[in-house]
Structures are given as structure tokens and as C-alpha cells.
Amino acid sequence: MTENARTWFKDGSYPSDLGVTVEAADDAQSRLSLPYDERNTMFGLVHGGAIASLASISALAIARASPRAVAGPLRTAALHVGYVRAARKSLTVETRAVRRVRELGFFETLIKDVDGNPVAHASSTVSEGGSDSASADSPLPVPPSEGEGPFVAPSADAGTGDAEAIRAAMAATPFLSRRRLRLVSMRRGAVEMALDAAAANLDGDGAIHEGAVLTLIDAAGATCPWTVVPPSPGASGATIALNAHVLGPLPGDGLVARAVVRARDARICWTSVTVVDSASRKVHALGTVVYRFADKNGP
């Protein structure tokens, strides 16, 4: 591992808080591990946001180890994560560089538990161009379509789900409580969720870490379906896929995710997520979460 990569990782508060260890990293591949720890779980399972973070962290570790690595911020222009199994054990993460062309790096990631069972697979595209590629455009204002319809203070009104149950579930989830996530507002089929600029959510430069943004996207996108179908005894579900795009350097201030259910069938919800700066309301990341209800009588 190059000194550039070693310094970047050591200074990253978010990876350190997860307990991620870089076992090897060069300009062709990386190997990481994540211990099974209650702080990274939800209901005893490793949280999907932590798993998505591993794909981003491992690809960026390779980018940092490259001889052409830049000192400025890198960003994951595109990420797709498919979740194939719940994780109840420590994880290993293996990522390889598929190709590099111009400022882009293309990577593949396989995440397994310690018994060798596949947990998730991911593909990512990292912009390795540094400040030149990141400064072409500033983040855009929230599109009008994302702002339509009033978001209201959380309540337990019929048809909007049980906000208190959602808040209780978030508070009982060690991984989300460490991220200091909170439900800001909601209506049927939509939620707003905030992420504070706590130390555990930052990178070594004091900006929000990409992994924390992926957690915010996953949490908002997975919560949103429950505003359509109120939680009931025995009901459960899980994120089966997550797509994310980081549009540029992330701020050092808090972020807000606005999630909206776009389509659903008897089992699956497709939710779009827009992540904005809590101060300027400019867009910093986009995402899509595919969520599956375990109960066939879901939405």
C-alpha cells in the first residue's frame, strides 16, 4: 500500500468507526475486512449501509494506491450493490480494478462472510481526476419534481405509517444511531431523513464520507416503503439492491435525503433518493433503493 493510500485511510474517521482493516491494497486490487460488531448491525445483521460502504472504501483504496493517484477528493460516480445474503458474521471484501481510462477507474467487488458465503457484489466507477474533474459544475438545485407535495412533521396518521415505530427502530439500530440519523418529515410514500456532520460520519479532510452518504441513501430508501405499508407484527423486509451516484466533493455540513416511492408491486418497492445539503439544499448525491417485503401481502 502506498503512503498516499495509508494516510488517506488512517485519517478517515468513518472507516475507523466501522472497524475496517485494509489487509492489502495496490493499484490492481484490495482486500479489506470488517469484524462482526454490534455497532455495525440492525437486528443482529450487518447493516446494508455498512456493506455498501465497504464497496466504496475498497475501490477508493485501490485508487489511492495507484501511482497516478491525486491528493484531492475522489468520488464514486456510479455504484451498484446487489445484496444476496444477510450477514451475521465478519466480512471480507475483495475488489479488483477492471479497467482505467482517462480519469475513470472501473472496479468489481465481492463481499463474503468468514465462511466464504457471498453476501453482496458490487460494481463501481470512480472519478480519479481530482479537482479538475470535480470543479466543472457545482451541485444543482433540487429539481422541482422532487419538491412537489408537502412533507409534514412525523405523525401516526392513517396511511402514513407509524412514525414513532420508525423512530424507535432507528434508535434501536446501533449502526444508524452511531450515524446520528433522524427522521425529519414524512408523508405517504415519501420521507426526509437527516445525517449530522458527526465525527464518525467524516473523512480525514472533514467532509462527509461517501460511506455515510450511502448509509443515508439506504436508510431513507428502505424506510420509505413503510410509509405505504404500516409496520405490523411479524412484517419484515430488506434492501436487495442499491444504486448511488456522488456528484462532486461532499460538504462538511449535514445532509438531508428525500426519498420517494416511484413504483411497487406485491413484494418490491422502487424508491428514488436525492441527497441535498441541509443549508443550501443543493444536490450532492442521487440514489435508488430496491426494497423487498418478506410478506407477500406487502404493498
Protein backbone atom coordinates (compact mmCIF):
# COMPACT_ATOMS: atom_id res chain seq x y z
CA MET A 1 0.00 0.00 0.00
CA THR A 2 1.35 3.44 -0.93
CA GLU A 3 1.86 6.12 1.71
CA ASN A 4 -0.89 8.13 -0.02
CA ALA A 5 -3.38 5.30 0.48
CA ARG A 6 -2.20 4.54 4.02
CA THR A 7 -2.54 8.17 5.13
CA TRP A 8 -5.94 8.55 3.50
CA PHE A 9 -7.33 5.52 5.23
CA LYS A 10 -5.78 6.22 8.61
CA ASP A 11 -7.24 9.72 8.62
CA GLY A 12 -10.75 8.56 7.69
CA SER A 13 -12.98 8.76 10.74
CA TYR A 14 -15.86 6.86 9.14
CA PRO A 15 -13.88 3.71 8.17
CA SER A 16 -12.19 3.77 11.57
CA ASP A 17 -15.56 3.90 13.31
CA LEU A 18 -16.70 0.84 11.35
CA GLY A 19 -13.55 -1.01 12.32
CA VAL A 20 -12.49 -1.65 8.72
CA THR A 21 -8.99 -3.07 8.26
CA VAL A 22 -7.10 -2.82 4.97
CA GLU A 23 -5.20 -6.09 4.64
CA ALA A 24 -3.74 -5.30 1.21
CA ALA A 25 -4.09 -2.62 -1.44
CA ASP A 26 -2.20 -1.80 -4.60
CA ASP A 27 -3.17 -0.31 -7.95
CA ALA A 28 -4.79 -3.58 -9.09
CA GLN A 29 -6.70 -4.97 -6.12
CA SER A 30 -7.55 -4.55 -2.47
CA ARG A 31 -8.60 -6.79 0.40
CA LEU A 32 -10.45 -5.42 3.42
CA SER A 33 -12.11 -6.95 6.45
CA LEU A 34 -14.96 -5.85 8.69
CA PRO A 35 -15.35 -7.51 12.10
CA TYR A 36 -18.79 -8.52 13.21
CA ASP A 37 -19.58 -5.90 15.82
CA GLU A 38 -22.90 -4.81 17.30
CA ARG A 39 -22.20 -1.18 16.34
CA ASN A 40 -22.49 -2.13 12.64
CA THR A 41 -25.76 -4.05 12.96
CA MET A 42 -29.52 -3.79 12.74
CA PHE A 43 -31.50 -6.53 14.49
CA GLY A 44 -28.31 -8.59 14.69
CA LEU A 45 -27.47 -8.33 10.98
CA VAL A 46 -24.70 -6.22 9.43
CA HIS A 47 -26.49 -3.12 8.15
CA GLY A 48 -26.81 -2.67 4.39
CA GLY A 49 -25.28 0.80 4.63
CA ALA A 50 -22.13 -0.65 6.17
CA ILE A 51 -21.96 -3.27 3.42
CA ALA A 52 -22.36 -0.66 0.66
CA SER A 53 -19.66 1.41 2.36
CA LEU A 54 -17.21 -1.46 2.02
CA ALA A 55 -17.57 -1.44 -1.77
CA SER A 56 -16.81 2.28 -1.90
CA ILE A 57 -13.94 2.14 0.61
CA SER A 58 -12.26 -0.80 -1.12
CA ALA A 59 -12.42 0.77 -4.59
CA LEU A 60 -11.09 4.08 -3.27
CA ALA A 61 -8.26 2.21 -1.55
CA ILE A 62 -7.13 0.97 -4.96
CA ALA A 63 -7.49 4.42 -6.48
CA ARG A 64 -5.38 5.87 -3.67
CA ALA A 65 -2.72 3.18 -4.16
CA SER A 66 -2.39 3.96 -7.87
CA PRO A 67 0.79 5.79 -8.97
CA ARG A 68 -1.45 8.32 -10.67
CA ALA A 69 -3.48 8.93 -7.51
CA VAL A 70 -4.28 12.55 -6.77
CA ALA A 71 -4.25 14.36 -3.47
CA GLY A 72 -7.68 15.90 -3.99
CA PRO A 73 -11.02 14.23 -3.31
CA LEU A 74 -12.06 11.23 -5.38
CA ARG A 75 -15.70 10.38 -5.92
CA THR A 76 -17.76 7.36 -6.84
CA ALA A 77 -19.60 8.49 -9.95
CA ALA A 78 -21.61 5.27 -10.08
CA LEU A 79 -22.10 2.36 -7.69
CA HIS A 80 -24.39 -0.67 -7.87
CA VAL A 81 -24.67 -3.06 -4.92
CA GLY A 82 -26.65 -6.31 -5.04
CA TYR A 83 -27.38 -7.92 -1.67
CA VAL A 84 -27.55 -11.70 -1.90
CA ARG A 85 -27.45 -12.83 1.73
CA ALA A 86 -27.88 -11.40 5.22
CA ALA A 87 -24.61 -11.16 7.15
CA ARG A 88 -24.29 -12.35 10.73
CA LYS A 89 -20.51 -12.78 10.75
CA SER A 90 -17.34 -10.88 9.99
CA LEU A 91 -16.85 -9.93 6.35
CA THR A 92 -14.06 -9.96 3.81
CA VAL A 93 -14.04 -7.59 0.85
CA GLU A 94 -12.12 -8.26 -2.35
CA THR A 95 -12.04 -5.61 -5.07
CA ARG A 96 -10.19 -5.60 -8.37
CA ALA A 97 -9.59 -2.90 -10.94
CA VAL A 98 -11.25 -3.88 -14.22
CA ARG A 99 -10.01 -1.00 -16.35
CA ARG A 100 -8.75 2.56 -16.20
CA VAL A 101 -9.40 5.04 -18.98
CA ARG A 102 -8.75 8.78 -18.77
CA GLU A 103 -9.82 9.88 -15.30
CA LEU A 104 -12.13 6.90 -14.66
CA GLY A 105 -11.46 3.68 -12.79
CA PHE A 106 -13.83 0.69 -13.06
CA PHE A 107 -13.95 -1.82 -10.20
CA GLU A 108 -15.64 -5.06 -9.19
CA THR A 109 -16.21 -6.07 -5.57
CA LEU A 110 -17.24 -9.31 -3.89
CA ILE A 111 -18.16 -9.31 -0.22
CA LYS A 112 -18.25 -12.62 1.66
CA ASP A 113 -18.66 -13.72 5.25
CA VAL A 114 -15.83 -15.54 7.01
CA ASP A 115 -17.28 -18.90 5.91
CA GLY A 116 -16.95 -17.89 2.25
CA ASN A 117 -20.67 -17.30 1.65
CA PRO A 118 -21.38 -14.44 -0.78
CA VAL A 119 -23.10 -11.52 0.94
CA ALA A 120 -23.03 -8.81 -1.75
CA HIS A 121 -21.50 -7.98 -5.09
CA ALA A 122 -20.84 -4.51 -6.43
CA SER A 123 -19.56 -2.62 -9.44
CA SER A 124 -18.31 0.93 -9.19
CA THR A 125 -16.92 3.72 -11.33
CA VAL A 126 -14.58 6.12 -9.56
CA SER A 127 -13.61 9.51 -10.92
CA GLU A 128 -9.87 9.68 -10.27
CA GLY A 129 -9.35 13.06 -11.89
CA GLY A 130 -9.22 15.04 -8.67
CA SER A 131 -10.15 18.71 -8.56
CA ASP A 132 -10.10 19.24 -12.35
CA SER A 133 -12.99 16.86 -12.95
CA ALA A 134 -14.82 17.85 -9.76
CA SER A 135 -14.91 21.58 -10.42
CA ALA A 136 -16.68 21.57 -13.79
CA ASP A 137 -20.10 22.14 -12.24
CA SER A 138 -21.33 22.96 -8.80
CA PRO A 139 -24.12 20.82 -7.31
CA LEU A 140 -27.53 21.55 -8.81
CA PRO A 141 -30.61 22.86 -7.02
CA VAL A 142 -33.23 20.32 -6.01
CA PRO A 143 -35.34 19.58 -9.14
CA PRO A 144 -38.93 20.85 -8.89
CA SER A 145 -40.29 17.31 -9.22
CA GLU A 146 -38.51 16.31 -6.01
CA GLY A 147 -40.04 19.19 -4.13
CA GLU A 148 -43.66 18.60 -5.07
CA GLY A 149 -46.04 17.74 -2.30
CA PRO A 150 -45.72 18.90 1.29
CA PHE A 151 -43.57 16.96 3.73
CA VAL A 152 -45.12 17.09 7.17
CA ALA A 153 -43.91 16.55 10.70
CA PRO A 154 -43.80 12.84 11.60
CA SER A 155 -47.11 11.53 12.86
CA ALA A 156 -49.03 8.31 13.15
CA ASP A 157 -51.88 9.38 10.89
CA ALA A 158 -53.62 6.61 8.97
CA GLY A 159 -51.91 5.90 5.66
CA THR A 160 -48.58 7.48 6.62
CA GLY A 161 -47.23 4.63 8.69
CA ASP A 162 -46.26 4.73 12.33
CA ALA A 163 -43.60 7.41 12.66
CA GLU A 164 -42.93 6.51 16.26
CA ALA A 165 -42.31 2.89 15.28
CA ILE A 166 -39.88 4.07 12.60
CA ARG A 167 -38.07 6.34 15.06
CA ALA A 168 -37.93 3.53 17.64
CA ALA A 169 -36.48 1.12 15.07
CA MET A 170 -33.83 3.68 14.11
CA ALA A 171 -32.95 4.34 17.75
CA ALA A 172 -32.67 0.59 18.37
CA THR A 173 -30.31 0.13 15.44
CA PRO A 174 -26.72 0.56 16.65
CA PHE A 175 -25.37 1.38 13.19
CA LEU A 176 -27.94 4.11 12.49
CA SER A 177 -27.77 5.62 15.96
CA ARG A 178 -23.97 5.95 15.61
CA ARG A 179 -24.58 7.83 12.36
CA ARG A 180 -26.99 10.13 14.23
CA LEU A 181 -29.64 9.71 11.58
CA ARG A 182 -33.05 11.18 12.29
CA LEU A 183 -36.45 11.25 10.65
CA VAL A 184 -37.21 14.87 9.74
CA SER A 185 -40.57 14.66 7.96
CA MET A 186 -42.78 12.24 6.11
CA ARG A 187 -45.91 11.73 4.10
CA ARG A 188 -47.38 8.70 2.40
CA GLY A 189 -44.77 7.35 0.01
CA ALA A 190 -42.04 9.83 0.98
CA VAL A 191 -39.65 10.65 3.82
CA GLU A 192 -36.96 13.16 4.66
CA MET A 193 -34.05 11.89 6.76
CA ALA A 194 -31.09 13.90 8.06
CA LEU A 195 -27.46 12.96 8.64
CA ASP A 196 -25.42 15.12 11.02
CA ALA A 197 -21.78 16.02 10.44
CA ALA A 198 -20.70 13.95 13.44
CA ALA A 199 -17.05 12.90 13.64
CA ALA A 200 -17.98 9.28 12.89
CA ASN A 201 -19.50 10.40 9.56
CA LEU A 202 -16.47 12.33 8.27
CA ASP A 203 -13.37 11.59 6.26
CA GLY A 204 -9.86 12.74 7.04
CA ASP A 205 -10.47 16.10 5.35
CA GLY A 206 -13.51 16.94 7.48
CA ALA A 207 -16.07 16.28 4.73
CA ILE A 208 -18.95 13.82 4.93
CA HIS A 209 -17.59 10.39 3.99
CA GLU A 210 -19.07 8.62 0.95
CA GLY A 211 -19.89 5.65 3.14
CA ALA A 212 -22.07 7.83 5.36
CA VAL A 213 -23.89 9.10 2.25
CA LEU A 214 -24.52 5.52 1.13
CA THR A 215 -25.89 4.74 4.58
CA LEU A 216 -28.21 7.75 4.35
CA ILE A 217 -29.45 6.63 0.91
CA ASP A 218 -30.02 3.08 2.11
CA ALA A 219 -31.76 4.11 5.34
CA ALA A 220 -34.10 6.62 3.67
CA GLY A 221 -34.83 4.33 0.74
CA ALA A 222 -35.57 1.34 2.98
CA THR A 223 -37.73 3.37 5.38
CA CYS A 224 -39.86 4.96 2.68
CA PRO A 225 -41.79 1.77 1.76
CA TRP A 226 -43.03 1.51 5.34
CA THR A 227 -44.93 4.79 4.91
CA VAL A 228 -47.04 2.97 2.33
CA VAL A 229 -47.48 -0.21 4.37
CA PRO A 230 -47.52 0.48 8.13
CA PRO A 231 -45.39 -1.96 10.15
CA SER A 232 -47.31 -4.91 11.53
CA PRO A 233 -46.35 -7.78 13.85
CA GLY A 234 -44.01 -10.14 12.05
CA ALA A 235 -43.63 -7.92 8.98
CA SER A 236 -40.10 -7.59 7.64
CA GLY A 237 -38.14 -6.67 4.55
CA ALA A 238 -34.69 -5.94 3.20
CA THR A 239 -32.82 -3.88 0.63
CA ILE A 240 -31.96 -6.12 -2.32
CA ALA A 241 -30.18 -3.53 -4.47
CA LEU A 242 -28.77 -0.03 -4.11
CA ASN A 243 -27.57 2.37 -6.80
CA ALA A 244 -25.78 5.60 -5.96
CA HIS A 245 -24.04 8.49 -7.69
CA VAL A 246 -21.88 11.07 -5.90
CA LEU A 247 -21.97 14.27 -7.95
CA GLY A 248 -18.88 16.00 -6.59
CA PRO A 249 -16.88 16.79 -3.45
CA LEU A 250 -19.05 16.37 -0.38
CA PRO A 251 -19.57 19.18 2.14
CA GLY A 252 -18.56 19.21 5.78
CA ASP A 253 -22.10 20.09 6.86
CA GLY A 254 -25.12 17.87 7.43
CA LEU A 255 -27.08 16.30 4.59
CA VAL A 256 -30.75 15.53 4.05
CA ALA A 257 -32.13 12.65 1.96
CA ARG A 258 -35.53 12.98 0.28
CA ALA A 259 -36.87 9.53 -0.63
CA VAL A 260 -39.94 8.93 -2.80
CA VAL A 261 -41.56 5.60 -3.74
CA ARG A 262 -41.65 5.54 -7.55
CA ALA A 263 -43.17 2.11 -8.18
CA ARG A 264 -44.23 -1.02 -6.30
CA ASP A 265 -45.77 -4.43 -6.77
CA ALA A 266 -46.92 -7.13 -4.35
CA ARG A 267 -43.43 -7.51 -2.84
CA ILE A 268 -41.00 -4.93 -4.18
CA CYS A 269 -40.71 -1.13 -3.83
CA TRP A 270 -38.51 1.06 -6.02
CA THR A 271 -37.54 4.27 -4.23
CA SER A 272 -35.54 7.21 -5.57
CA VAL A 273 -33.40 9.23 -3.17
CA THR A 274 -31.99 12.74 -3.57
CA VAL A 275 -29.32 13.84 -1.08
CA VAL A 276 -29.07 17.58 -0.54
CA ASP A 277 -27.01 19.97 1.53
CA SER A 278 -29.04 20.85 4.62
CA ALA A 279 -28.05 24.51 4.28
CA SER A 280 -28.14 25.26 0.53
CA ARG A 281 -30.48 22.40 -0.49
CA LYS A 282 -28.23 21.67 -3.46
CA VAL A 283 -27.98 18.10 -4.69
CA HIS A 284 -24.82 16.18 -3.79
CA ALA A 285 -25.84 12.58 -4.49
CA LEU A 286 -28.57 10.53 -6.14
CA GLY A 287 -29.70 7.01 -5.37
CA THR A 288 -32.22 4.25 -5.98
CA VAL A 289 -33.12 1.61 -3.42
CA VAL A 290 -34.92 -1.62 -4.33
CA TYR A 291 -36.65 -2.97 -1.23
CA ARG A 292 -38.38 -6.33 -0.85
CA PHE A 293 -41.06 -7.12 1.70
CA ALA A 294 -40.82 -10.60 3.17
CA ASP A 295 -44.62 -10.78 3.47
CA LYS A 296 -46.21 -11.46 0.08
CA ASN A 297 -49.18 -9.39 1.24
CA GLY A 298 -46.96 -6.28 1.31
CA PRO A 299 -47.72 -3.12 -0.68
